[in-house]
């Protein structure tokens, strides 16, 4: 887990939740805000990201890590674009 980001487990009998908190000013917080802001201003990339998440969604119930790792390369690419666009 990233320093500055804490994930909470699901209560017994509850499935499908993904709850975490980030520390303001930490790298995970910056990543979240930068990705959010970039996607709000770039409809084509937002659609691509949504499509990717939909394709990976079946993994959420059987291999959550595979779901997240499937998104990671595109998220990294989007964060790079987001930060380049700020300069």
C-alpha atoms as a PDB file:
ATOM      1  CA  UNK A   1       0.000   0.000   0.000  1.00  0.00           C
ATOM      2  CA  UNK A   2       1.149   3.518  -0.715  1.00  0.00           C
ATOM      3  CA  UNK A   3       2.320   5.672   2.150  1.00  0.00           C
ATOM      4  CA  UNK A   4      -0.445   8.187   2.809  1.00  0.00           C
ATOM      5  CA  UNK A   5      -3.244   5.852   1.633  1.00  0.00           C
ATOM      6  CA  UNK A   6      -5.107   3.400   3.845  1.00  0.00           C
ATOM      7  CA  UNK A   7      -7.620   0.847   2.593  1.00  0.00           C
ATOM      8  CA  UNK A   8     -10.361  -0.523   4.821  1.00  0.00           C
ATOM      9  CA  UNK A   9     -11.586  -4.106   4.694  1.00  0.00           C
ATOM     10  CA  UNK A  10     -15.208  -4.994   4.126  1.00  0.00           C
ATOM     11  CA  UNK A  11     -17.393  -5.810   7.121  1.00  0.00           C
ATOM     12  CA  UNK A  12     -18.357  -9.497   7.301  1.00  0.00           C
ATOM     13  CA  UNK A  13     -21.070 -10.320   4.769  1.00  0.00           C
ATOM     14  CA  UNK A  14     -20.654  -7.071   2.840  1.00  0.00           C
ATOM     15  CA  UNK A  15     -19.110  -7.259  -0.618  1.00  0.00           C
ATOM     16  CA  UNK A  16     -18.425  -4.758  -3.365  1.00  0.00           C
ATOM     17  CA  UNK A  17     -17.136  -1.920  -1.204  1.00  0.00           C
ATOM     18  CA  UNK A  18     -13.818  -0.230  -1.765  1.00  0.00           C
ATOM     19  CA  UNK A  19     -13.210   2.377   0.906  1.00  0.00           C
ATOM     20  CA  UNK A  20      -9.951   4.152   1.538  1.00  0.00           C
ATOM     21  CA  UNK A  21      -8.686   7.450   2.874  1.00  0.00           C
ATOM     22  CA  UNK A  22      -5.710   9.475   1.807  1.00  0.00           C
ATOM     23  CA  UNK A  23      -3.666  11.968   3.788  1.00  0.00           C
ATOM     24  CA  UNK A  24      -4.002  15.498   2.424  1.00  0.00           C
ATOM     25  CA  UNK A  25      -0.837  16.497   0.600  1.00  0.00           C
ATOM     26  CA  UNK A  26       0.450  12.931   0.241  1.00  0.00           C
ATOM     27  CA  UNK A  27       1.362  11.458  -3.141  1.00  0.00           C
ATOM     28  CA  UNK A  28      -1.799   9.277  -3.236  1.00  0.00           C
ATOM     29  CA  UNK A  29      -3.889  12.400  -2.577  1.00  0.00           C
ATOM     30  CA  UNK A  30      -2.107  14.305  -5.348  1.00  0.00           C
ATOM     31  CA  UNK A  31      -2.567  11.343  -7.713  1.00  0.00           C
ATOM     32  CA  UNK A  32      -6.294  11.214  -6.984  1.00  0.00           C
ATOM     33  CA  UNK A  33      -6.850  14.934  -7.486  1.00  0.00           C
ATOM     34  CA  UNK A  34      -4.644  15.174 -10.580  1.00  0.00           C
ATOM     35  CA  UNK A  35      -6.369  12.181 -12.214  1.00  0.00           C
ATOM     36  CA  UNK A  36      -9.830  13.522 -11.347  1.00  0.00           C
ATOM     37  CA  UNK A  37      -9.076  16.975 -12.681  1.00  0.00           C
ATOM     38  CA  UNK A  38      -7.480  15.636 -15.859  1.00  0.00           C
ATOM     39  CA  UNK A  39     -10.395  13.313 -16.631  1.00  0.00           C
ATOM     40  CA  UNK A  40     -12.900  16.123 -16.073  1.00  0.00           C
ATOM     41  CA  UNK A  41     -11.203  18.097 -18.831  1.00  0.00           C
ATOM     42  CA  UNK A  42     -10.463  15.242 -21.269  1.00  0.00           C
ATOM     43  CA  UNK A  43     -13.630  13.431 -22.329  1.00  0.00           C
ATOM     44  CA  UNK A  44     -11.905  10.982 -24.701  1.00  0.00           C
ATOM     45  CA  UNK A  45      -9.488   9.783 -22.013  1.00  0.00           C
ATOM     46  CA  UNK A  46     -12.316   9.637 -19.464  1.00  0.00           C
ATOM     47  CA  UNK A  47     -14.293   7.380 -21.813  1.00  0.00           C
ATOM     48  CA  UNK A  48     -11.250   5.188 -22.461  1.00  0.00           C
ATOM     49  CA  UNK A  49     -10.696   4.880 -18.704  1.00  0.00           C
ATOM     50  CA  UNK A  50     -14.363   4.023 -18.136  1.00  0.00           C
ATOM     51  CA  UNK A  51     -14.246   1.406 -20.898  1.00  0.00           C
ATOM     52  CA  UNK A  52     -11.101  -0.109 -19.387  1.00  0.00           C
ATOM     53  CA  UNK A  53     -12.720  -0.299 -15.948  1.00  0.00           C
ATOM     54  CA  UNK A  54     -15.801  -1.961 -17.467  1.00  0.00           C
ATOM     55  CA  UNK A  55     -13.626  -4.577 -19.208  1.00  0.00           C
ATOM     56  CA  UNK A  56     -11.761  -5.297 -15.991  1.00  0.00           C
ATOM     57  CA  UNK A  57     -14.849  -5.252 -13.726  1.00  0.00           C
ATOM     58  CA  UNK A  58     -15.393  -9.044 -13.765  1.00  0.00           C
ATOM     59  CA  UNK A  59     -12.088  -9.385 -11.901  1.00  0.00           C
ATOM     60  CA  UNK A  60     -13.341  -7.338  -8.948  1.00  0.00           C
ATOM     61  CA  UNK A  61     -15.176 -10.270  -7.406  1.00  0.00           C
ATOM     62  CA  UNK A  62     -12.477 -12.901  -8.014  1.00  0.00           C
ATOM     63  CA  UNK A  63      -9.115 -11.106  -8.092  1.00  0.00           C
ATOM     64  CA  UNK A  64      -9.244  -7.498  -6.941  1.00  0.00           C
ATOM     65  CA  UNK A  65      -5.468  -7.117  -7.309  1.00  0.00           C
ATOM     66  CA  UNK A  66      -5.656  -8.120 -10.988  1.00  0.00           C
ATOM     67  CA  UNK A  67      -8.345  -5.459 -11.506  1.00  0.00           C
ATOM     68  CA  UNK A  68      -6.173  -2.758  -9.970  1.00  0.00           C
ATOM     69  CA  UNK A  69      -3.028  -3.890 -11.765  1.00  0.00           C
ATOM     70  CA  UNK A  70      -4.973  -3.901 -15.029  1.00  0.00           C
ATOM     71  CA  UNK A  71      -5.742  -0.208 -14.559  1.00  0.00           C
ATOM     72  CA  UNK A  72      -2.302   0.819 -13.294  1.00  0.00           C
ATOM     73  CA  UNK A  73      -0.450   1.341 -16.633  1.00  0.00           C
ATOM     74  CA  UNK A  74      -3.209   3.557 -18.041  1.00  0.00           C
ATOM     75  CA  UNK A  75      -3.536   5.495 -14.789  1.00  0.00           C
ATOM     76  CA  UNK A  76       0.228   6.106 -14.806  1.00  0.00           C
ATOM     77  CA  UNK A  77      -0.026   7.349 -18.403  1.00  0.00           C
ATOM     78  CA  UNK A  78      -2.929   9.639 -17.525  1.00  0.00           C
ATOM     79  CA  UNK A  79      -1.102  11.045 -14.502  1.00  0.00           C
ATOM     80  CA  UNK A  80       1.900  11.805 -16.696  1.00  0.00           C
ATOM     81  CA  UNK A  81      -0.347  13.633 -19.176  1.00  0.00           C
ATOM     82  CA  UNK A  82      -2.068  15.466 -16.338  1.00  0.00           C
ATOM     83  CA  UNK A  83       1.177  16.715 -14.882  1.00  0.00           C
ATOM     84  CA  UNK A  84       2.632  17.675 -18.257  1.00  0.00           C
ATOM     85  CA  UNK A  85      -0.475  19.691 -19.001  1.00  0.00           C
ATOM     86  CA  UNK A  86       0.053  21.687 -15.783  1.00  0.00           C
ATOM     87  CA  UNK A  87       3.502  22.896 -16.790  1.00  0.00           C
END
